[in-house]
Amino acid sequence: MPEGKIKGWANIARHMGQSTSTVQHWAQSGMPVSREGRSVVASPEELNAWLGRESGHRGTQIATTEADLSALLRHGLKSARVSGKRVPPKQSNDKRRRLEQRAPAPKPEVPRYSPVLPLSQVESRISGLEKRLEQLEQFMKSMGAAEKRATASEINAIKSAVRHYRDAISIEKELARIAE
Protein backbone atom coordinates (compact mmCIF):
# COMPACT_ATOMS: atom_id res chain seq x y z
CA MET A 1 0.00 0.00 0.00
CA PRO A 2 1.42 3.41 -0.95
CA GLU A 3 2.46 5.74 1.85
CA GLY A 4 -0.27 8.10 3.07
CA LYS A 5 -3.21 5.89 2.05
CA ILE A 6 -6.00 5.13 4.50
CA LYS A 7 -7.02 1.48 4.51
CA GLY A 8 -10.41 0.09 5.56
CA TRP A 9 -13.87 1.54 6.06
CA ALA A 10 -13.35 2.08 9.79
CA ASN A 11 -10.16 4.10 9.26
CA ILE A 12 -11.68 6.14 6.43
CA ALA A 13 -14.72 6.85 8.63
CA ARG A 14 -12.46 7.90 11.53
CA HIS A 15 -10.53 10.22 9.19
CA MET A 16 -13.75 11.79 7.88
CA GLY A 17 -15.28 12.06 11.36
CA GLN A 18 -18.35 10.10 10.28
CA SER A 19 -19.87 6.68 10.86
CA THR A 20 -18.83 3.76 8.69
CA SER A 21 -22.28 3.53 7.11
CA THR A 22 -22.22 7.24 6.19
CA VAL A 23 -18.81 6.91 4.56
CA GLN A 24 -19.95 3.83 2.62
CA HIS A 25 -22.99 5.78 1.44
CA TRP A 26 -20.75 8.67 0.37
CA ALA A 27 -18.57 6.20 -1.53
CA GLN A 28 -21.64 5.15 -3.53
CA SER A 29 -22.24 8.85 -4.26
CA GLY A 30 -18.77 9.38 -5.68
CA MET A 31 -16.36 9.77 -2.76
CA PRO A 32 -12.93 8.71 -4.08
CA VAL A 33 -12.14 5.25 -2.73
CA SER A 34 -10.61 2.30 -4.51
CA ARG A 35 -10.23 -1.40 -3.94
CA GLU A 36 -6.94 -3.11 -3.33
CA GLY A 37 -7.72 -6.78 -3.12
CA ARG A 38 -10.39 -7.20 -0.48
CA SER A 39 -9.66 -3.85 1.19
CA VAL A 40 -10.87 -0.33 0.51
CA VAL A 41 -8.27 2.45 0.40
CA ALA A 42 -8.42 6.21 0.00
CA SER A 43 -6.00 9.07 -0.22
CA PRO A 44 -6.40 11.82 2.41
CA GLU A 45 -5.65 14.47 -0.23
CA GLU A 46 -8.33 13.10 -2.57
CA LEU A 47 -10.82 12.92 0.31
CA ASN A 48 -10.10 16.55 1.24
CA ALA A 49 -10.50 17.66 -2.38
CA TRP A 50 -13.74 15.70 -2.76
CA LEU A 51 -15.09 17.12 0.49
CA GLY A 52 -14.26 20.64 -0.75
CA ARG A 53 -16.11 20.05 -4.00
CA GLU A 54 -19.14 18.56 -2.24
CA SER A 55 -19.35 21.29 0.38
CA GLY A 56 -18.91 24.06 -2.20
CA HIS A 57 -15.85 25.51 -0.42
CA ARG A 58 -12.46 25.16 -2.02
CA GLY A 59 -9.70 24.22 0.35
CA THR A 60 -11.95 22.42 2.82
CA GLN A 61 -9.92 20.06 4.92
CA ILE A 62 -10.62 17.46 7.50
CA ALA A 63 -9.16 18.38 10.88
CA THR A 64 -6.71 15.73 11.97
CA THR A 65 -4.20 15.55 14.79
CA GLU A 66 -1.46 16.49 12.32
CA ALA A 67 -3.35 19.48 10.89
CA ASP A 68 -2.49 23.02 11.97
CA LEU A 69 -5.89 23.99 13.39
CA SER A 70 -5.08 27.70 13.72
CA ALA A 71 -4.14 27.83 10.02
CA LEU A 72 -7.37 26.00 9.14
CA LEU A 73 -9.35 28.48 11.25
CA ARG A 74 -7.70 31.48 9.58
CA HIS A 75 -8.37 29.94 6.17
CA GLY A 76 -12.02 29.33 7.06
CA LEU A 77 -12.50 32.91 8.28
CA LYS A 78 -10.85 34.27 5.15
CA SER A 79 -13.16 32.15 2.97
CA ALA A 80 -16.19 33.37 4.88
CA ARG A 81 -15.16 37.02 4.43
CA VAL A 82 -14.55 36.54 0.70
CA SER A 83 -17.90 34.85 0.15
CA GLY A 84 -19.63 37.82 1.76
CA LYS A 85 -22.17 35.65 3.51
CA ARG A 86 -23.11 37.16 6.82
CA VAL A 87 -24.67 35.07 9.51
CA PRO A 88 -27.12 37.14 11.54
CA PRO A 89 -26.31 37.20 15.25
CA LYS A 90 -28.58 35.20 17.49
CA GLN A 91 -31.20 37.26 19.24
CA SER A 92 -31.38 37.16 22.99
CA ASN A 93 -34.35 35.46 24.59
CA ASP A 94 -35.58 38.84 25.92
CA LYS A 95 -35.63 40.41 22.46
CA ARG A 96 -37.33 37.33 21.01
CA ARG A 97 -40.02 37.50 23.70
CA ARG A 98 -40.61 41.21 23.02
CA LEU A 99 -41.02 40.51 19.30
CA GLU A 100 -43.45 37.69 20.01
CA GLN A 101 -45.48 39.95 22.32
CA ARG A 102 -45.87 42.64 19.65
CA ALA A 103 -47.62 40.49 17.11
CA PRO A 104 -50.32 38.37 18.71
CA ALA A 105 -50.98 35.11 16.99
CA PRO A 106 -54.22 35.00 15.03
CA LYS A 107 -56.99 33.15 16.81
CA PRO A 108 -57.72 29.81 15.21
CA GLU A 109 -61.07 29.47 13.57
CA VAL A 110 -63.15 26.95 15.48
CA PRO A 111 -64.83 24.53 13.11
CA ARG A 112 -68.55 23.97 13.57
CA TYR A 113 -69.58 20.60 14.85
CA SER A 114 -71.04 18.48 12.12
CA PRO A 115 -72.82 15.24 12.97
CA VAL A 116 -71.64 11.99 11.46
CA LEU A 117 -75.19 10.95 10.61
CA PRO A 118 -78.13 13.06 9.45
CA LEU A 119 -80.80 13.53 12.12
CA SER A 120 -83.27 11.37 10.19
CA GLN A 121 -80.87 8.41 10.37
CA VAL A 122 -80.27 8.97 14.07
CA GLU A 123 -84.03 8.98 14.72
CA SER A 124 -84.33 5.81 12.64
CA ARG A 125 -81.62 4.14 14.76
CA ILE A 126 -83.40 5.16 17.94
CA SER A 127 -86.65 3.56 16.79
CA GLY A 128 -84.78 0.38 15.78
CA LEU A 129 -83.08 0.19 19.18
CA GLU A 130 -86.39 0.71 20.98
CA LYS A 131 -87.91 -2.20 19.01
CA ARG A 132 -84.94 -4.37 20.00
CA LEU A 133 -85.51 -3.38 23.65
CA GLU A 134 -89.14 -4.50 23.47
CA GLN A 135 -88.08 -7.86 21.98
CA LEU A 136 -85.45 -8.46 24.65
CA GLU A 137 -87.89 -7.60 27.45
CA GLN A 138 -90.37 -10.14 26.02
CA PHE A 139 -87.66 -12.84 25.78
CA MET A 140 -86.53 -12.21 29.37
CA LYS A 141 -89.89 -13.47 30.65
CA SER A 142 -89.10 -16.99 29.40
CA MET A 143 -85.35 -17.11 30.23
CA GLY A 144 -83.37 -18.69 33.02
CA ALA A 145 -81.31 -16.71 35.56
CA ALA A 146 -77.96 -16.92 33.68
CA GLU A 147 -79.52 -15.88 30.39
CA LYS A 148 -81.37 -13.03 32.12
CA ARG A 149 -78.07 -11.58 33.40
CA ALA A 150 -76.55 -11.57 29.88
CA THR A 151 -79.72 -10.13 28.38
CA ALA A 152 -79.95 -7.47 31.10
CA SER A 153 -76.44 -6.37 30.22
CA GLU A 154 -77.43 -6.01 26.57
CA ILE A 155 -80.58 -4.09 27.55
CA ASN A 156 -78.53 -1.64 29.63
CA ALA A 157 -76.15 -1.09 26.71
CA ILE A 158 -79.05 -0.41 24.34
CA LYS A 159 -80.69 1.99 26.80
CA SER A 160 -77.38 3.85 27.11
CA ALA A 161 -77.10 4.10 23.31
CA VAL A 162 -80.67 5.44 23.06
CA ARG A 163 -79.89 8.10 25.72
CA HIS A 164 -76.73 9.03 23.82
CA TYR A 165 -78.57 9.40 20.52
CA ARG A 166 -81.36 11.47 22.11
CA ASP A 167 -78.81 13.76 23.76
CA ALA A 168 -77.09 14.21 20.40
CA ILE A 169 -80.40 15.13 18.75
CA SER A 170 -81.23 17.70 21.42
CA ILE A 171 -77.74 19.23 21.16
CA GLU A 172 -77.97 19.39 17.37
CA LYS A 173 -81.41 21.02 17.52
CA GLU A 174 -80.11 23.57 20.05
CA LEU A 175 -77.11 24.36 17.81
CA ALA A 176 -79.44 24.83 14.84
CA ARG A 177 -81.63 27.17 16.89
CA ILE A 178 -78.61 29.24 18.01
CA ALA A 179 -77.27 29.44 14.43
CA GLU A 180 -80.54 30.97 13.18
C-alpha atoms as a PDB file:
ATOM      1  CA  MET A   1       0.000   0.000   0.000  1.00  0.00           C
ATOM      2  CA  PRO A   2       1.422   3.412  -0.947  1.00  0.00           C
ATOM      3  CA  GLU A   3       2.464   5.739   1.851  1.00  0.00           C
ATOM      4  CA  GLY A   4      -0.273   8.103   3.069  1.00  0.00           C
ATOM      5  CA  LYS A   5      -3.209   5.892   2.052  1.00  0.00           C
ATOM      6  CA  ILE A   6      -6.004   5.133   4.498  1.00  0.00           C
ATOM      7  CA  LYS A   7      -7.023   1.483   4.514  1.00  0.00           C
ATOM      8  CA  GLY A   8     -10.415   0.086   5.564  1.00  0.00           C
ATOM      9  CA  TRP A   9     -13.868   1.541   6.056  1.00  0.00           C
ATOM     10  CA  ALA A  10     -13.353   2.084   9.787  1.00  0.00           C
ATOM     11  CA  ASN A  11     -10.159   4.095   9.260  1.00  0.00           C
ATOM     12  CA  ILE A  12     -11.683   6.145   6.432  1.00  0.00           C
ATOM     13  CA  ALA A  13     -14.719   6.850   8.629  1.00  0.00           C
ATOM     14  CA  ARG A  14     -12.463   7.899  11.529  1.00  0.00           C
ATOM     15  CA  HIS A  15     -10.527  10.216   9.192  1.00  0.00           C
ATOM     16  CA  MET A  16     -13.754  11.791   7.884  1.00  0.00           C
ATOM     17  CA  GLY A  17     -15.284  12.057  11.364  1.00  0.00           C
ATOM     18  CA  GLN A  18     -18.352  10.105  10.281  1.00  0.00           C
ATOM     19  CA  SER A  19     -19.868   6.681  10.859  1.00  0.00           C
ATOM     20  CA  THR A  20     -18.830   3.757   8.690  1.00  0.00           C
ATOM     21  CA  SER A  21     -22.280   3.525   7.111  1.00  0.00           C
ATOM     22  CA  THR A  22     -22.216   7.238   6.194  1.00  0.00           C
ATOM     23  CA  VAL A  23     -18.809   6.908   4.560  1.00  0.00           C
ATOM     24  CA  GLN A  24     -19.954   3.830   2.624  1.00  0.00           C
ATOM     25  CA  HIS A  25     -22.992   5.784   1.438  1.00  0.00           C
ATOM     26  CA  TRP A  26     -20.751   8.668   0.369  1.00  0.00           C
ATOM     27  CA  ALA A  27     -18.574   6.202  -1.529  1.00  0.00           C
ATOM     28  CA  GLN A  28     -21.635   5.152  -3.533  1.00  0.00           C
ATOM     29  CA  SER A  29     -22.241   8.846  -4.258  1.00  0.00           C
ATOM     30  CA  GLY A  30     -18.766   9.380  -5.679  1.00  0.00           C
ATOM     31  CA  MET A  31     -16.364   9.767  -2.755  1.00  0.00           C
ATOM     32  CA  PRO A  32     -12.929   8.710  -4.078  1.00  0.00           C
ATOM     33  CA  VAL A  33     -12.140   5.249  -2.735  1.00  0.00           C
ATOM     34  CA  SER A  34     -10.607   2.303  -4.507  1.00  0.00           C
ATOM     35  CA  ARG A  35     -10.233  -1.403  -3.937  1.00  0.00           C
ATOM     36  CA  GLU A  36      -6.941  -3.113  -3.333  1.00  0.00           C
ATOM     37  CA  GLY A  37      -7.722  -6.779  -3.122  1.00  0.00           C
ATOM     38  CA  ARG A  38     -10.394  -7.196  -0.484  1.00  0.00           C
ATOM     39  CA  SER A  39      -9.661  -3.854   1.190  1.00  0.00           C
ATOM     40  CA  VAL A  40     -10.868  -0.327   0.513  1.00  0.00           C
ATOM     41  CA  VAL A  41      -8.269   2.449   0.396  1.00  0.00           C
ATOM     42  CA  ALA A  42      -8.424   6.214  -0.004  1.00  0.00           C
ATOM     43  CA  SER A  43      -5.995   9.072  -0.224  1.00  0.00           C
ATOM     44  CA  PRO A  44      -6.405  11.816   2.409  1.00  0.00           C
ATOM     45  CA  GLU A  45      -5.654  14.466  -0.226  1.00  0.00           C
ATOM     46  CA  GLU A  46      -8.334  13.096  -2.570  1.00  0.00           C
ATOM     47  CA  LEU A  47     -10.823  12.917   0.315  1.00  0.00           C
ATOM     48  CA  ASN A  48     -10.096  16.552   1.240  1.00  0.00           C
ATOM     49  CA  ALA A  49     -10.497  17.662  -2.382  1.00  0.00           C
ATOM     50  CA  TRP A  50     -13.736  15.704  -2.762  1.00  0.00           C
ATOM     51  CA  LEU A  51     -15.094  17.120   0.488  1.00  0.00           C
ATOM     52  CA  GLY A  52     -14.265  20.641  -0.747  1.00  0.00           C
ATOM     53  CA  ARG A  53     -16.115  20.052  -4.003  1.00  0.00           C
ATOM     54  CA  GLU A  54     -19.137  18.555  -2.239  1.00  0.00           C
ATOM     55  CA  SER A  55     -19.349  21.293   0.379  1.00  0.00           C
ATOM     56  CA  GLY A  56     -18.910  24.056  -2.201  1.00  0.00           C
ATOM     57  CA  HIS A  57     -15.851  25.511  -0.423  1.00  0.00           C
ATOM     58  CA  ARG A  58     -12.459  25.160  -2.021  1.00  0.00           C
ATOM     59  CA  GLY A  59      -9.704  24.216   0.354  1.00  0.00           C
ATOM     60  CA  THR A  60     -11.954  22.424   2.822  1.00  0.00           C
ATOM     61  CA  GLN A  61      -9.918  20.058   4.920  1.00  0.00           C
ATOM     62  CA  ILE A  62     -10.622  17.460   7.500  1.00  0.00           C
ATOM     63  CA  ALA A  63      -9.161  18.383  10.877  1.00  0.00           C
ATOM     64  CA  THR A  64      -6.706  15.727  11.969  1.00  0.00           C
ATOM     65  CA  THR A  65      -4.197  15.550  14.793  1.00  0.00           C
ATOM     66  CA  GLU A  66      -1.455  16.488  12.322  1.00  0.00           C
ATOM     67  CA  ALA A  67      -3.354  19.485  10.894  1.00  0.00           C
ATOM     68  CA  ASP A  68      -2.494  23.024  11.973  1.00  0.00           C
ATOM     69  CA  LEU A  69      -5.894  23.992  13.395  1.00  0.00           C
ATOM     70  CA  SER A  70      -5.076  27.700  13.720  1.00  0.00           C
ATOM     71  CA  ALA A  71      -4.137  27.829  10.022  1.00  0.00           C
ATOM     72  CA  LEU A  72      -7.375  26.000   9.144  1.00  0.00           C
ATOM     73  CA  LEU A  73      -9.353  28.481  11.251  1.00  0.00           C
ATOM     74  CA  ARG A  74      -7.699  31.483   9.582  1.00  0.00           C
ATOM     75  CA  HIS A  75      -8.369  29.938   6.169  1.00  0.00           C
ATOM     76  CA  GLY A  76     -12.024  29.327   7.062  1.00  0.00           C
ATOM     77  CA  LEU A  77     -12.502  32.906   8.277  1.00  0.00           C
ATOM     78  CA  LYS A  78     -10.848  34.267   5.150  1.00  0.00           C
ATOM     79  CA  SER A  79     -13.160  32.146   2.966  1.00  0.00           C
ATOM     80  CA  ALA A  80     -16.185  33.374   4.882  1.00  0.00           C
ATOM     81  CA  ARG A  81     -15.160  37.018   4.427  1.00  0.00           C
ATOM     82  CA  VAL A  82     -14.549  36.543   0.700  1.00  0.00           C
ATOM     83  CA  SER A  83     -17.896  34.849   0.146  1.00  0.00           C
ATOM     84  CA  GLY A  84     -19.629  37.824   1.764  1.00  0.00           C
ATOM     85  CA  LYS A  85     -22.168  35.650   3.515  1.00  0.00           C
ATOM     86  CA  ARG A  86     -23.114  37.160   6.824  1.00  0.00           C
ATOM     87  CA  VAL A  87     -24.674  35.067   9.507  1.00  0.00           C
ATOM     88  CA  PRO A  88     -27.123  37.144  11.541  1.00  0.00           C
ATOM     89  CA  PRO A  89     -26.310  37.199  15.251  1.00  0.00           C
ATOM     90  CA  LYS A  90     -28.579  35.197  17.488  1.00  0.00           C
ATOM     91  CA  GLN A  91     -31.200  37.257  19.236  1.00  0.00           C
ATOM     92  CA  SER A  92     -31.375  37.155  22.986  1.00  0.00           C
ATOM     93  CA  ASN A  93     -34.352  35.465  24.587  1.00  0.00           C
ATOM     94  CA  ASP A  94     -35.582  38.837  25.920  1.00  0.00           C
ATOM     95  CA  LYS A  95     -35.625  40.406  22.461  1.00  0.00           C
ATOM     96  CA  ARG A  96     -37.330  37.331  21.006  1.00  0.00           C
ATOM     97  CA  ARG A  97     -40.021  37.500  23.696  1.00  0.00           C
ATOM     98  CA  ARG A  98     -40.613  41.214  23.019  1.00  0.00           C
ATOM     99  CA  LEU A  99     -41.019  40.508  19.298  1.00  0.00           C
ATOM    100  CA  GLU A 100     -43.450  37.694  20.007  1.00  0.00           C
ATOM    101  CA  GLN A 101     -45.478  39.945  22.322  1.00  0.00           C
ATOM    102  CA  ARG A 102     -45.868  42.639  19.651  1.00  0.00           C
ATOM    103  CA  ALA A 103     -47.618  40.491  17.108  1.00  0.00           C
ATOM    104  CA  PRO A 104     -50.322  38.369  18.713  1.00  0.00           C
ATOM    105  CA  ALA A 105     -50.983  35.112  16.990  1.00  0.00           C
ATOM    106  CA  PRO A 106     -54.224  35.002  15.034  1.00  0.00           C
ATOM    107  CA  LYS A 107     -56.993  33.153  16.806  1.00  0.00           C
ATOM    108  CA  PRO A 108     -57.724  29.812  15.214  1.00  0.00           C
ATOM    109  CA  GLU A 109     -61.065  29.466  13.570  1.00  0.00           C
ATOM    110  CA  VAL A 110     -63.147  26.953  15.482  1.00  0.00           C
ATOM    111  CA  PRO A 111     -64.829  24.529  13.107  1.00  0.00           C
ATOM    112  CA  ARG A 112     -68.547  23.970  13.572  1.00  0.00           C
ATOM    113  CA  TYR A 113     -69.575  20.600  14.854  1.00  0.00           C
ATOM    114  CA  SER A 114     -71.043  18.475  12.116  1.00  0.00           C
ATOM    115  CA  PRO A 115     -72.822  15.235  12.967  1.00  0.00           C
ATOM    116  CA  VAL A 116     -71.637  11.989  11.462  1.00  0.00           C
ATOM    117  CA  LEU A 117     -75.193  10.952  10.608  1.00  0.00           C
ATOM    118  CA  PRO A 118     -78.125  13.061   9.447  1.00  0.00           C
ATOM    119  CA  LEU A 119     -80.805  13.526  12.117  1.00  0.00           C
ATOM    120  CA  SER A 120     -83.268  11.372  10.185  1.00  0.00           C
ATOM    121  CA  GLN A 121     -80.874   8.410  10.366  1.00  0.00           C
ATOM    122  CA  VAL A 122     -80.275   8.974  14.073  1.00  0.00           C
ATOM    123  CA  GLU A 123     -84.028   8.978  14.717  1.00  0.00           C
ATOM    124  CA  SER A 124     -84.325   5.810  12.640  1.00  0.00           C
ATOM    125  CA  ARG A 125     -81.621   4.145  14.757  1.00  0.00           C
ATOM    126  CA  ILE A 126     -83.396   5.157  17.939  1.00  0.00           C
ATOM    127  CA  SER A 127     -86.645   3.557  16.790  1.00  0.00           C
ATOM    128  CA  GLY A 128     -84.775   0.385  15.784  1.00  0.00           C
ATOM    129  CA  LEU A 129     -83.080   0.192  19.184  1.00  0.00           C
ATOM    130  CA  GLU A 130     -86.390   0.711  20.976  1.00  0.00           C
ATOM    131  CA  LYS A 131     -87.914  -2.197  19.005  1.00  0.00           C
ATOM    132  CA  ARG A 132     -84.939  -4.372  20.001  1.00  0.00           C
ATOM    133  CA  LEU A 133     -85.507  -3.381  23.655  1.00  0.00           C
ATOM    134  CA  GLU A 134     -89.143  -4.504  23.471  1.00  0.00           C
ATOM    135  CA  GLN A 135     -88.080  -7.855  21.977  1.00  0.00           C
ATOM    136  CA  LEU A 136     -85.454  -8.458  24.653  1.00  0.00           C
ATOM    137  CA  GLU A 137     -87.887  -7.603  27.451  1.00  0.00           C
ATOM    138  CA  GLN A 138     -90.369 -10.144  26.015  1.00  0.00           C
ATOM    139  CA  PHE A 139     -87.658 -12.839  25.780  1.00  0.00           C
ATOM    140  CA  MET A 140     -86.534 -12.214  29.371  1.00  0.00           C
ATOM    141  CA  LYS A 141     -89.892 -13.465  30.648  1.00  0.00           C
ATOM    142  CA  SER A 142     -89.098 -16.987  29.401  1.00  0.00           C
ATOM    143  CA  MET A 143     -85.349 -17.108  30.225  1.00  0.00           C
ATOM    144  CA  GLY A 144     -83.365 -18.694  33.022  1.00  0.00           C
ATOM    145  CA  ALA A 145     -81.307 -16.707  35.556  1.00  0.00           C
ATOM    146  CA  ALA A 146     -77.958 -16.922  33.683  1.00  0.00           C
ATOM    147  CA  GLU A 147     -79.525 -15.884  30.385  1.00  0.00           C
ATOM    148  CA  LYS A 148     -81.374 -13.026  32.117  1.00  0.00           C
ATOM    149  CA  ARG A 149     -78.068 -11.576  33.397  1.00  0.00           C
ATOM    150  CA  ALA A 150     -76.545 -11.575  29.882  1.00  0.00           C
ATOM    151  CA  THR A 151     -79.721 -10.130  28.376  1.00  0.00           C
ATOM    152  CA  ALA A 152     -79.949  -7.472  31.103  1.00  0.00           C
ATOM    153  CA  SER A 153     -76.436  -6.375  30.220  1.00  0.00           C
ATOM    154  CA  GLU A 154     -77.425  -6.014  26.571  1.00  0.00           C
ATOM    155  CA  ILE A 155     -80.584  -4.095  27.552  1.00  0.00           C
ATOM    156  CA  ASN A 156     -78.525  -1.644  29.635  1.00  0.00           C
ATOM    157  CA  ALA A 157     -76.150  -1.090  26.709  1.00  0.00           C
ATOM    158  CA  ILE A 158     -79.050  -0.406  24.339  1.00  0.00           C
ATOM    159  CA  LYS A 159     -80.686   1.994  26.804  1.00  0.00           C
ATOM    160  CA  SER A 160     -77.382   3.851  27.113  1.00  0.00           C
ATOM    161  CA  ALA A 161     -77.100   4.101  23.314  1.00  0.00           C
ATOM    162  CA  VAL A 162     -80.667   5.438  23.064  1.00  0.00           C
ATOM    163  CA  ARG A 163     -79.889   8.102  25.717  1.00  0.00           C
ATOM    164  CA  HIS A 164     -76.731   9.032  23.821  1.00  0.00           C
ATOM    165  CA  TYR A 165     -78.569   9.397  20.519  1.00  0.00           C
ATOM    166  CA  ARG A 166     -81.357  11.466  22.107  1.00  0.00           C
ATOM    167  CA  ASP A 167     -78.812  13.765  23.763  1.00  0.00           C
ATOM    168  CA  ALA A 168     -77.092  14.207  20.401  1.00  0.00           C
ATOM    169  CA  ILE A 169     -80.402  15.126  18.747  1.00  0.00           C
ATOM    170  CA  SER A 170     -81.230  17.700  21.415  1.00  0.00           C
ATOM    171  CA  ILE A 171     -77.740  19.225  21.158  1.00  0.00           C
ATOM    172  CA  GLU A 172     -77.971  19.389  17.367  1.00  0.00           C
ATOM    173  CA  LYS A 173     -81.406  21.022  17.523  1.00  0.00           C
ATOM    174  CA  GLU A 174     -80.110  23.568  20.055  1.00  0.00           C
ATOM    175  CA  LEU A 175     -77.110  24.364  17.814  1.00  0.00           C
ATOM    176  CA  ALA A 176     -79.440  24.827  14.839  1.00  0.00           C
ATOM    177  CA  ARG A 177     -81.633  27.173  16.895  1.00  0.00           C
ATOM    178  CA  ILE A 178     -78.609  29.241  18.011  1.00  0.00           C
ATOM    179  CA  ALA A 179     -77.270  29.442  14.434  1.00  0.00           C
ATOM    180  CA  GLU A 180     -80.537  30.973  13.176  1.00  0.00           C
END
